[in-house]
């Protein structure tokens, strides 16, 4: 069997989903696929926290270009609002 780090996202997802069946033993599942229970539980916890995307790159999922563009736009708006707030406070002498 392949090393745990060599398993694809789909294979990891399949293992996590298979473990949800009531007739499946985690120990047997891990033994069958050649992974440690510790590794399995890390995958399971990541999946429960963030779904399939969290299994990608050991929990460090990459955002899409659209997400990155949206974040940049929001950061720009926040910066602009911060400047406006400072100007308003200065004009009202609130400091």
C-alpha atoms as a PDB file:
ATOM      1  CA  UNK A   1       0.000   0.000   0.000  1.00  0.00           C
ATOM      2  CA  UNK A   2       1.101   3.568  -0.615  1.00  0.00           C
ATOM      3  CA  UNK A   3       2.444   5.762   2.150  1.00  0.00           C
ATOM      4  CA  UNK A   4      -0.243   7.925   3.781  1.00  0.00           C
ATOM      5  CA  UNK A   5       1.292  11.068   2.272  1.00  0.00           C
ATOM      6  CA  UNK A   6       0.963   9.525  -1.186  1.00  0.00           C
ATOM      7  CA  UNK A   7      -2.768   8.919  -0.924  1.00  0.00           C
ATOM      8  CA  UNK A   8      -4.830  11.270  -3.054  1.00  0.00           C
ATOM      9  CA  UNK A   9      -7.439  13.576  -1.607  1.00  0.00           C
ATOM     10  CA  UNK A  10     -10.132  11.325  -3.039  1.00  0.00           C
ATOM     11  CA  UNK A  11      -8.598   8.270  -1.333  1.00  0.00           C
ATOM     12  CA  UNK A  12      -8.397  10.092   1.996  1.00  0.00           C
ATOM     13  CA  UNK A  13     -11.980  11.260   1.636  1.00  0.00           C
ATOM     14  CA  UNK A  14     -13.076   7.745   0.775  1.00  0.00           C
ATOM     15  CA  UNK A  15     -11.435   6.365   3.929  1.00  0.00           C
ATOM     16  CA  UNK A  16     -13.019   9.007   6.143  1.00  0.00           C
ATOM     17  CA  UNK A  17     -16.451   8.424   4.641  1.00  0.00           C
ATOM     18  CA  UNK A  18     -16.062   4.655   4.853  1.00  0.00           C
ATOM     19  CA  UNK A  19     -15.300   4.997   8.573  1.00  0.00           C
ATOM     20  CA  UNK A  20     -18.717   6.553   9.119  1.00  0.00           C
ATOM     21  CA  UNK A  21     -20.459   3.274   8.354  1.00  0.00           C
ATOM     22  CA  UNK A  22     -21.615   1.557  11.555  1.00  0.00           C
ATOM     23  CA  UNK A  23     -20.138  -1.833  10.589  1.00  0.00           C
ATOM     24  CA  UNK A  24     -16.594  -0.488  10.024  1.00  0.00           C
ATOM     25  CA  UNK A  25     -13.858  -0.739  12.643  1.00  0.00           C
ATOM     26  CA  UNK A  26     -11.320   2.112  12.529  1.00  0.00           C
ATOM     27  CA  UNK A  27      -8.513  -0.267  13.488  1.00  0.00           C
ATOM     28  CA  UNK A  28      -9.431  -2.694  10.682  1.00  0.00           C
ATOM     29  CA  UNK A  29      -9.812   0.117   8.173  1.00  0.00           C
ATOM     30  CA  UNK A  30      -6.377   1.536   9.027  1.00  0.00           C
ATOM     31  CA  UNK A  31      -4.746  -1.875   8.932  1.00  0.00           C
ATOM     32  CA  UNK A  32      -6.382  -2.672   5.588  1.00  0.00           C
ATOM     33  CA  UNK A  33      -5.067   0.548   4.016  1.00  0.00           C
ATOM     34  CA  UNK A  34      -1.685   0.602   5.753  1.00  0.00           C
ATOM     35  CA  UNK A  35      -2.092   3.835   7.703  1.00  0.00           C
ATOM     36  CA  UNK A  36      -1.787   4.577  11.387  1.00  0.00           C
ATOM     37  CA  UNK A  37      -4.835   5.383  13.444  1.00  0.00           C
ATOM     38  CA  UNK A  38      -3.218   8.693  14.384  1.00  0.00           C
ATOM     39  CA  UNK A  39      -2.991   9.644  10.707  1.00  0.00           C
ATOM     40  CA  UNK A  40      -6.561   8.559  10.119  1.00  0.00           C
ATOM     41  CA  UNK A  41      -7.887  10.595  13.042  1.00  0.00           C
ATOM     42  CA  UNK A  42      -6.008  13.687  11.802  1.00  0.00           C
ATOM     43  CA  UNK A  43      -7.679  13.290   8.408  1.00  0.00           C
ATOM     44  CA  UNK A  44     -11.058  12.692  10.013  1.00  0.00           C
ATOM     45  CA  UNK A  45     -10.760  15.749  12.263  1.00  0.00           C
ATOM     46  CA  UNK A  46      -9.665  17.956   9.358  1.00  0.00           C
ATOM     47  CA  UNK A  47     -12.568  16.697   7.294  1.00  0.00           C
ATOM     48  CA  UNK A  48     -15.066  17.356  10.081  1.00  0.00           C
ATOM     49  CA  UNK A  49     -13.689  20.869  10.533  1.00  0.00           C
ATOM     50  CA  UNK A  50     -13.481  21.877   6.904  1.00  0.00           C
ATOM     51  CA  UNK A  51     -14.842  19.191   4.636  1.00  0.00           C
ATOM     52  CA  UNK A  52     -13.011  17.817   1.641  1.00  0.00           C
ATOM     53  CA  UNK A  53     -11.022  21.017   1.072  1.00  0.00           C
ATOM     54  CA  UNK A  54      -9.323  20.657   4.479  1.00  0.00           C
ATOM     55  CA  UNK A  55      -7.796  17.325   3.482  1.00  0.00           C
ATOM     56  CA  UNK A  56      -5.916  19.039   0.699  1.00  0.00           C
ATOM     57  CA  UNK A  57      -2.266  19.864   1.495  1.00  0.00           C
ATOM     58  CA  UNK A  58      -2.409  18.658   5.092  1.00  0.00           C
ATOM     59  CA  UNK A  59      -5.110  21.103   6.090  1.00  0.00           C
ATOM     60  CA  UNK A  60      -3.613  24.095   4.344  1.00  0.00           C
ATOM     61  CA  UNK A  61      -6.054  24.471   1.487  1.00  0.00           C
ATOM     62  CA  UNK A  62      -5.196  26.958  -1.207  1.00  0.00           C
ATOM     63  CA  UNK A  63      -7.778  29.585  -1.993  1.00  0.00           C
ATOM     64  CA  UNK A  64      -8.982  30.155  -5.494  1.00  0.00           C
ATOM     65  CA  UNK A  65      -7.986  33.240  -7.458  1.00  0.00           C
ATOM     66  CA  UNK A  66     -11.497  34.614  -6.952  1.00  0.00           C
ATOM     67  CA  UNK A  67     -11.112  34.224  -3.190  1.00  0.00           C
ATOM     68  CA  UNK A  68      -7.743  35.981  -3.249  1.00  0.00           C
ATOM     69  CA  UNK A  69      -9.156  38.849  -5.314  1.00  0.00           C
ATOM     70  CA  UNK A  70     -12.103  39.193  -2.928  1.00  0.00           C
ATOM     71  CA  UNK A  71      -9.769  39.281   0.087  1.00  0.00           C
ATOM     72  CA  UNK A  72      -7.635  41.982  -1.534  1.00  0.00           C
ATOM     73  CA  UNK A  73     -10.741  44.057  -2.299  1.00  0.00           C
ATOM     74  CA  UNK A  74     -12.006  43.731   1.278  1.00  0.00           C
ATOM     75  CA  UNK A  75      -8.585  44.695   2.669  1.00  0.00           C
ATOM     76  CA  UNK A  76      -8.604  47.778   0.447  1.00  0.00           C
ATOM     77  CA  UNK A  77     -12.074  48.773   1.656  1.00  0.00           C
ATOM     78  CA  UNK A  78     -11.081  48.261   5.301  1.00  0.00           C
ATOM     79  CA  UNK A  79      -8.001  50.425   4.799  1.00  0.00           C
ATOM     80  CA  UNK A  80     -10.068  53.167   3.195  1.00  0.00           C
ATOM     81  CA  UNK A  81     -12.618  53.057   6.013  1.00  0.00           C
ATOM     82  CA  UNK A  82      -9.840  53.236   8.611  1.00  0.00           C
ATOM     83  CA  UNK A  83      -8.536  56.427   7.032  1.00  0.00           C
ATOM     84  CA  UNK A  84     -12.048  57.894   6.901  1.00  0.00           C
ATOM     85  CA  UNK A  85     -12.617  57.088  10.589  1.00  0.00           C
ATOM     86  CA  UNK A  86      -9.354  58.783  11.572  1.00  0.00           C
ATOM     87  CA  UNK A  87     -10.272  61.905   9.591  1.00  0.00           C
ATOM     88  CA  UNK A  88     -13.741  62.034  11.145  1.00  0.00           C
ATOM     89  CA  UNK A  89     -12.366  61.585  14.662  1.00  0.00           C
ATOM     90  CA  UNK A  90      -9.813  64.336  14.052  1.00  0.00           C
ATOM     91  CA  UNK A  91     -12.535  66.664  12.760  1.00  0.00           C
ATOM     92  CA  UNK A  92     -14.658  65.938  15.844  1.00  0.00           C
ATOM     93  CA  UNK A  93     -11.612  66.222  18.118  1.00  0.00           C
ATOM     94  CA  UNK A  94     -12.212  62.742  19.552  1.00  0.00           C
ATOM     95  CA  UNK A  95      -8.733  61.330  19.055  1.00  0.00           C
END
